[in-house]
Amino acid sequence: MAATFSTALDVHFAVSQSDPKRPFFFTKRLKHQKPSQRFRISCKTSESSSSSSKPQQNPLEEQLPKKTQSLSEQLQPLSITTLPKKDQADRLSSNPKSTWVNPSKPRRSVLSLQRQKRSPHAYNPQLRELKLFAKKLNDCENNEGALLSVLEQFPHQPNRENSLLILNSLKPWQKAYLFFNWLKTNHFFPMETIFYNVMMKCLRFGGQFEVIEELANEMVSNEIPLDNITYSTIISCARRCYHFDKAVEWFERMYRTGLMPDEVTYSAILDVYAKLGKVEEVISLYERGVASGWKPDMVTFSVLAKMFGVAGDYEGIKYVLQEMKSVKVRPNLVVYNTLIEAMGRAGKPGFARNLFEDLIESGLTPNEKTLTAIAKIYGKARWEKDALKLWEEMKSKNWPVDFILYNTLLTMFADIGLVEEAEQLFIDMKRSENFKPDSWSYTAMLNIYASGGNVDKAMELFEEMFEVGVELNVMGTTCLIQCLGKTQRIEELVRVFTVSIQQEIEPDDRLCGCLLSVVSLCDNREDIDKVLACLHQANPRLVEFVELIKDEKSSLNTVKEEFRRVLSDTKDDARRPFCNSLIDICRSKNLHERAHDLLYLGTLYGLYPRLHNRTADEWSLNVRTLFVGAAKTALEEWMGTLAKIVKRGEALPELFSAQTGTGTHKFAQGLSNSFGSHLKELGAPFKNSEDKVGCFVATREDLLLWLQSKIPSSCTVIS
């Protein structure tokens, strides 16, 4: 019994305009096609006919244009073409899985590397045989002789399909490269772009950029076309191997060929430009890509945020946020983390807090990296209320923690001076199985006790470190010495320093500065000699300079030259503390003239760049970065200069101010109090400002009267 049916088909004719030498899988899609023609095809079926009859292929299908394929798509047909097609009747009788396409999703105008699922190969006996052969190649020794010996057992004549399958199966890049060269040497078939792409992918995993570049140049020499995948692999490998200049070079070559970069390439090259510090190029490339239809992904925005964050460019970070909003991209956790860290580097704790709150409101759960970043920011900003809120949320919502976060929280509590919270967290760490306190944990607790002047607890912790086998570090040593020095417990100070030397802790400039400041606090000669003996082990030249400035016979030129040598051997961030401590030592020994000499030299060498400020209405002295003795010296120097100005009859502003600032740390010692006491001793007419904390102000009239009382001759004021 036979049945006949017919149907009309619309078939679109198209003539391929691609290069005839170009491999079939790189055939270009044509934008314009000829009008369709309609054919009627009749098909007859018979119940008695064999289901194994092979379906006839429409000859018109050969003329249909083929889509540009990704590397995975190019590899996919090999399972079908390796052997002649089997009977497809069984597969035709089964219902294929439907694919739903979102009609509202716009098509991308930029290429994308989409990875497709591969067809199952279990039904193909030759594929199974080739896989076993590939396993033999992977298992053999990693040298040319062993590989060639196995290749003699190649189960079939090497052709394009089975060779490509073998090449894609070899994992060690060395073996893949030997096999690739073996194929080229024996000339089994013409080498095509896809072979180079697969080989480059394997080399990229091995970090072999030089070999990849060599293959790329070989392709150019042999007139083998480099496609989008080739360039993407070259550029991404150059980035991974930190050959940023090479990545830029190949990207520019790609652009000159007219190939459109895909998402992977765009993100990779943006990261390269960012690491090279080429901010303008990053913005230009980003905007060019967006204009061409590219939709930036999370990786791209993370790269932009990190670039601006490292530079502390707040306006740049705002630009990233605006761009994300304009393309309607909601940050994921990775981007939120990058933005929060960036705001911290840019010195914008308020915006970092807003981002953190936005993260919570969006339904995301912060991870350890998020919490570590925000804890650092709150600690640096000395935000006690926000720090406590964060701590309570972490406990109530059971947010994830790791060892770094525990130590960061301890440091945050130390920065703010939250003793009880730090002690409770420290106890929790001791009780835990996975987060036992280490050297940095103990250092954070030492810092808390030292800052609060709790010497006994600090020393108990010091002894406990020996009992549990936790080694002291240089920061912990510095905290203990500072604490013991302020309370004049010199014997214990010497013991702590000796232990640190025995544990091979190398004293740094900060520790030397701490010992130097202790010298200025010592009352008797014996204690001074003990501290200087410790300092001599750490920095002999510094001790020699202390002896030099104490000698009143030393000339200013001699002190100046030797001070320059001391500063040259000192890190930048320790130079001003050294000078401050040296001035304090001079004042404690009643060497006031030498103290003024050192203040002059410190100003000369750029240690106090913002000490003085003048406007038409106000002259000010800023002593925020000075120690107490150095601040008093700077005040005396300033008053002396003003007295000379008054004596010369020069014009003066309406207002004078001295800025001491106010310590945000809970245990910060008040420079403001000591400075205010010194003003009273001098009888200077400065009073606490009603508008600014840590600011002393005086009017021109009041200061003038006081200065005139200090000058024997009469003065005339020029308004």
Foldseek 3Di string as FASTA:
>chain_A
DKDKDKDKDWAWAAAFPDDPVADLLQGDADPDTDGTDIDMDMDMDDPPDDLQDDDDDDPRVVRHTHYNAALQVVLQCLLDPVDDHGRCSVVVVDDDDDDDDDPVDDDFLFDARDHDDHDDNVVPPVVVVLLVLLVCLQPWDLDLVRNVVSVVPVPDQDDDRSLQVSLLSHQQLSSSVSSLVVCVVVCSDDDAQSSLLSSLVSVLVVLNLVVLVVVVVVCVVVVHDQAQSSLLSNLQSCLVNVVLVSNVVSVVVCVVVVHGHHQSSLLSNLLSCLVVVVLVVSVVSVVVCVVSRDDHDQSNLLSQLQSQLQVLNPVSLVVSVVVCVVSVHDHDQSNLLSNLLSCLSNVNLVVSVVSVVVCVVVVHAHAASSLLSNLLSCLVVLPPVVLVVSVVCCVVVVHDHDQSSLLSNLLSCLSNLVLVVLVVSQVVQCPDDHHNDAQSSLLSNLSSCLLQLVLVVNVVSVVVCVVVVHDHAQSSLQSNLLSCLVVVVLVVNLVSLVSCVVVVHQHALSSLLSLLLSLLVDDDPVSNVSSLVSSCVRPVLLSVLLVQLVDPPRDLVNNLVSLVVVVVVHDPVNNLSSLLSSLSNCVSVVVLVSSLSSLVSCVVVPVCVPQWDDDQAETEGECQPHDLSNLLSSVVVVLVVVLVCQQVQHADHFKYKYANDADSHPSDDDSLVSVVVSCVVLVAPWDQDPVDHRMTMDTPVRRSVSSQVVDPDDGHHDD
